[in-house]
């Protein structure tokens, strides 16, 4: 039986790296990993209202939104879950257009999801959820 390691964290799009890169902070606020894709279990979509308003007023990008939860580190679990994602269940966040993460098709506000997969497709960020 595989040993399961748990890592609580906060994943967000890294604005200072070329391409689509995500960073992960641990519960102490220290950035511990940069990656091109990450799977979060028992995910909560987080947007700082004050950060969103600061971006809107200044026009400068800052990190104020991301996904909090358990970062899945088991490669077998990642493969099993990632292969089952419905590509139509995607979300996005744009501080100039919406206040929270929303479903890309329905526009419904999202608060939580069992799994969230942060990745990219054709050089653009993708937020898939289940």
C-alpha atoms as a PDB file:
ATOM      1  CA  UNK A   1       0.000   0.000   0.000  1.00  0.00           C
ATOM      2  CA  UNK A   2       1.265   3.467  -0.907  1.00  0.00           C
ATOM      3  CA  UNK A   3       2.047   5.948   1.819  1.00  0.00           C
ATOM      4  CA  UNK A   4      -0.024   9.042   1.302  1.00  0.00           C
ATOM      5  CA  UNK A   5       1.624  12.356   2.015  1.00  0.00           C
ATOM      6  CA  UNK A   6      -0.477  15.408   2.653  1.00  0.00           C
ATOM      7  CA  UNK A   7       0.569  18.957   1.908  1.00  0.00           C
ATOM      8  CA  UNK A   8      -1.799  21.832   2.617  1.00  0.00           C
ATOM      9  CA  UNK A   9      -1.162  24.853   0.479  1.00  0.00           C
ATOM     10  CA  UNK A  10      -2.249  27.738  -1.686  1.00  0.00           C
ATOM     11  CA  UNK A  11      -1.667  27.557  -5.451  1.00  0.00           C
ATOM     12  CA  UNK A  12      -1.673  30.612  -7.697  1.00  0.00           C
ATOM     13  CA  UNK A  13      -0.569  31.727 -11.136  1.00  0.00           C
ATOM     14  CA  UNK A  14       2.963  33.074 -11.008  1.00  0.00           C
ATOM     15  CA  UNK A  15       2.988  36.456 -12.726  1.00  0.00           C
ATOM     16  CA  UNK A  16       6.776  36.771 -12.895  1.00  0.00           C
ATOM     17  CA  UNK A  17       7.659  33.588 -14.785  1.00  0.00           C
ATOM     18  CA  UNK A  18       7.480  33.211 -18.564  1.00  0.00           C
ATOM     19  CA  UNK A  19       4.676  31.028 -19.826  1.00  0.00           C
ATOM     20  CA  UNK A  20       2.063  29.557 -17.536  1.00  0.00           C
ATOM     21  CA  UNK A  21       3.674  28.679 -14.217  1.00  0.00           C
ATOM     22  CA  UNK A  22       1.987  28.078 -10.886  1.00  0.00           C
ATOM     23  CA  UNK A  23       3.490  28.614  -7.455  1.00  0.00           C
ATOM     24  CA  UNK A  24       2.532  26.863  -4.243  1.00  0.00           C
ATOM     25  CA  UNK A  25       2.797  28.391  -0.796  1.00  0.00           C
ATOM     26  CA  UNK A  26       2.662  26.275   2.340  1.00  0.00           C
ATOM     27  CA  UNK A  27       0.466  27.185   5.321  1.00  0.00           C
ATOM     28  CA  UNK A  28       3.241  29.413   6.703  1.00  0.00           C
ATOM     29  CA  UNK A  29       3.157  31.540   3.529  1.00  0.00           C
ATOM     30  CA  UNK A  30       6.498  30.355   2.116  1.00  0.00           C
ATOM     31  CA  UNK A  31       6.634  29.540  -1.600  1.00  0.00           C
ATOM     32  CA  UNK A  32       7.821  25.943  -1.798  1.00  0.00           C
ATOM     33  CA  UNK A  33       7.303  24.960  -5.426  1.00  0.00           C
ATOM     34  CA  UNK A  34       6.984  26.305  -8.970  1.00  0.00           C
ATOM     35  CA  UNK A  35       5.272  23.982 -11.441  1.00  0.00           C
ATOM     36  CA  UNK A  36       3.469  23.839 -14.790  1.00  0.00           C
ATOM     37  CA  UNK A  37       0.514  21.970 -13.309  1.00  0.00           C
ATOM     38  CA  UNK A  38      -0.887  21.131  -9.900  1.00  0.00           C
ATOM     39  CA  UNK A  39      -3.798  19.093  -8.558  1.00  0.00           C
ATOM     40  CA  UNK A  40      -5.594  20.398  -5.454  1.00  0.00           C
ATOM     41  CA  UNK A  41      -7.978  18.222  -3.424  1.00  0.00           C
ATOM     42  CA  UNK A  42     -10.834  19.640  -1.291  1.00  0.00           C
ATOM     43  CA  UNK A  43     -10.223  22.941  -3.019  1.00  0.00           C
ATOM     44  CA  UNK A  44     -11.478  26.370  -2.089  1.00  0.00           C
ATOM     45  CA  UNK A  45     -11.369  29.206  -4.618  1.00  0.00           C
ATOM     46  CA  UNK A  46      -9.967  32.299  -2.884  1.00  0.00           C
ATOM     47  CA  UNK A  47     -10.075  35.937  -4.032  1.00  0.00           C
ATOM     48  CA  UNK A  48      -8.973  38.820  -1.813  1.00  0.00           C
ATOM     49  CA  UNK A  49     -11.527  41.616  -2.239  1.00  0.00           C
ATOM     50  CA  UNK A  50      -8.994  44.304  -1.321  1.00  0.00           C
ATOM     51  CA  UNK A  51      -6.451  42.830  -3.751  1.00  0.00           C
ATOM     52  CA  UNK A  52      -9.049  42.729  -6.513  1.00  0.00           C
ATOM     53  CA  UNK A  53      -9.948  46.379  -5.935  1.00  0.00           C
ATOM     54  CA  UNK A  54      -6.261  47.359  -5.896  1.00  0.00           C
ATOM     55  CA  UNK A  55      -5.755  45.686  -9.287  1.00  0.00           C
ATOM     56  CA  UNK A  56      -8.826  47.428 -10.690  1.00  0.00           C
ATOM     57  CA  UNK A  57      -7.762  50.855  -9.439  1.00  0.00           C
ATOM     58  CA  UNK A  58      -4.062  50.668 -10.354  1.00  0.00           C
ATOM     59  CA  UNK A  59      -4.222  48.437 -13.440  1.00  0.00           C
ATOM     60  CA  UNK A  60      -1.205  46.475 -12.142  1.00  0.00           C
ATOM     61  CA  UNK A  61      -1.308  42.710 -11.682  1.00  0.00           C
ATOM     62  CA  UNK A  62      -0.766  41.380  -8.169  1.00  0.00           C
ATOM     63  CA  UNK A  63      -1.287  37.958  -6.641  1.00  0.00           C
ATOM     64  CA  UNK A  64      -4.621  38.113  -4.856  1.00  0.00           C
ATOM     65  CA  UNK A  65      -6.433  34.974  -6.053  1.00  0.00           C
ATOM     66  CA  UNK A  66      -5.787  31.255  -6.111  1.00  0.00           C
ATOM     67  CA  UNK A  67      -6.852  27.850  -4.869  1.00  0.00           C
ATOM     68  CA  UNK A  68      -6.387  26.629  -1.293  1.00  0.00           C
ATOM     69  CA  UNK A  69      -6.476  22.959  -0.309  1.00  0.00           C
ATOM     70  CA  UNK A  70      -4.480  19.741  -0.174  1.00  0.00           C
ATOM     71  CA  UNK A  71      -1.781  19.587  -2.846  1.00  0.00           C
ATOM     72  CA  UNK A  72      -1.821  16.055  -4.262  1.00  0.00           C
ATOM     73  CA  UNK A  73       1.724  14.696  -4.483  1.00  0.00           C
ATOM     74  CA  UNK A  74       1.010  11.012  -5.212  1.00  0.00           C
ATOM     75  CA  UNK A  75       1.676  10.465  -8.957  1.00  0.00           C
ATOM     76  CA  UNK A  76      -0.778   7.551  -9.143  1.00  0.00           C
ATOM     77  CA  UNK A  77      -3.594   9.624  -7.638  1.00  0.00           C
ATOM     78  CA  UNK A  78      -2.729  12.539  -9.936  1.00  0.00           C
ATOM     79  CA  UNK A  79      -2.915  10.288 -13.017  1.00  0.00           C
ATOM     80  CA  UNK A  80      -6.209   8.705 -11.921  1.00  0.00           C
ATOM     81  CA  UNK A  81      -7.923  11.990 -11.125  1.00  0.00           C
ATOM     82  CA  UNK A  82      -6.493  14.046 -14.016  1.00  0.00           C
ATOM     83  CA  UNK A  83      -7.656  11.500 -16.593  1.00  0.00           C
ATOM     84  CA  UNK A  84     -11.229  11.720 -15.291  1.00  0.00           C
ATOM     85  CA  UNK A  85     -11.607  15.497 -15.603  1.00  0.00           C
ATOM     86  CA  UNK A  86     -14.387  16.742 -17.847  1.00  0.00           C
ATOM     87  CA  UNK A  87     -12.751  19.330 -20.104  1.00  0.00           C
ATOM     88  CA  UNK A  88     -16.043  21.256 -20.178  1.00  0.00           C
ATOM     89  CA  UNK A  89     -15.900  21.972 -16.431  1.00  0.00           C
ATOM     90  CA  UNK A  90     -13.443  24.809 -16.462  1.00  0.00           C
ATOM     91  CA  UNK A  91     -13.273  28.029 -14.508  1.00  0.00           C
ATOM     92  CA  UNK A  92     -11.595  31.376 -14.849  1.00  0.00           C
ATOM     93  CA  UNK A  93     -10.909  34.528 -12.896  1.00  0.00           C
ATOM     94  CA  UNK A  94     -10.366  37.965 -14.394  1.00  0.00           C
ATOM     95  CA  UNK A  95     -10.373  40.807 -11.827  1.00  0.00           C
ATOM     96  CA  UNK A  96     -11.564  43.305 -14.451  1.00  0.00           C
ATOM     97  CA  UNK A  97     -14.637  41.264 -15.392  1.00  0.00           C
ATOM     98  CA  UNK A  98     -15.707  39.142 -12.381  1.00  0.00           C
ATOM     99  CA  UNK A  99     -15.458  39.247  -8.595  1.00  0.00           C
ATOM    100  CA  UNK A 100     -14.804  35.530  -8.003  1.00  0.00           C
ATOM    101  CA  UNK A 101     -13.769  32.418  -9.883  1.00  0.00           C
ATOM    102  CA  UNK A 102     -16.626  31.506 -12.216  1.00  0.00           C
ATOM    103  CA  UNK A 103     -17.615  28.583 -14.415  1.00  0.00           C
ATOM    104  CA  UNK A 104     -16.389  29.348 -17.949  1.00  0.00           C
ATOM    105  CA  UNK A 105     -19.670  28.250 -19.564  1.00  0.00           C
ATOM    106  CA  UNK A 106     -22.451  29.216 -17.155  1.00  0.00           C
ATOM    107  CA  UNK A 107     -20.759  32.156 -15.410  1.00  0.00           C
ATOM    108  CA  UNK A 108     -21.831  30.700 -12.051  1.00  0.00           C
ATOM    109  CA  UNK A 109     -19.674  31.768  -9.102  1.00  0.00           C
ATOM    110  CA  UNK A 110     -17.511  28.969  -7.663  1.00  0.00           C
ATOM    111  CA  UNK A 111     -16.528  28.625  -4.018  1.00  0.00           C
ATOM    112  CA  UNK A 112     -15.355  25.009  -3.591  1.00  0.00           C
ATOM    113  CA  UNK A 113     -14.638  21.857  -5.587  1.00  0.00           C
ATOM    114  CA  UNK A 114     -13.585  18.306  -4.751  1.00  0.00           C
ATOM    115  CA  UNK A 115     -10.615  18.622  -7.140  1.00  0.00           C
ATOM    116  CA  UNK A 116      -9.072  21.508  -9.063  1.00  0.00           C
ATOM    117  CA  UNK A 117      -6.400  20.981 -11.714  1.00  0.00           C
ATOM    118  CA  UNK A 118      -4.344  24.080 -12.570  1.00  0.00           C
ATOM    119  CA  UNK A 119      -2.582  23.587 -15.880  1.00  0.00           C
ATOM    120  CA  UNK A 120      -2.232  25.209 -19.304  1.00  0.00           C
ATOM    121  CA  UNK A 121      -3.344  24.597 -22.859  1.00  0.00           C
ATOM    122  CA  UNK A 122      -1.754  26.261 -25.866  1.00  0.00           C
ATOM    123  CA  UNK A 123       0.100  28.700 -23.625  1.00  0.00           C
ATOM    124  CA  UNK A 124      -3.003  29.832 -21.729  1.00  0.00           C
ATOM    125  CA  UNK A 125      -3.874  29.011 -18.125  1.00  0.00           C
ATOM    126  CA  UNK A 126      -6.576  26.373 -17.519  1.00  0.00           C
ATOM    127  CA  UNK A 127      -8.515  25.794 -14.324  1.00  0.00           C
ATOM    128  CA  UNK A 128     -10.379  22.466 -14.483  1.00  0.00           C
ATOM    129  CA  UNK A 129     -12.572  21.342 -11.614  1.00  0.00           C
ATOM    130  CA  UNK A 130     -14.638  18.381 -10.500  1.00  0.00           C
END
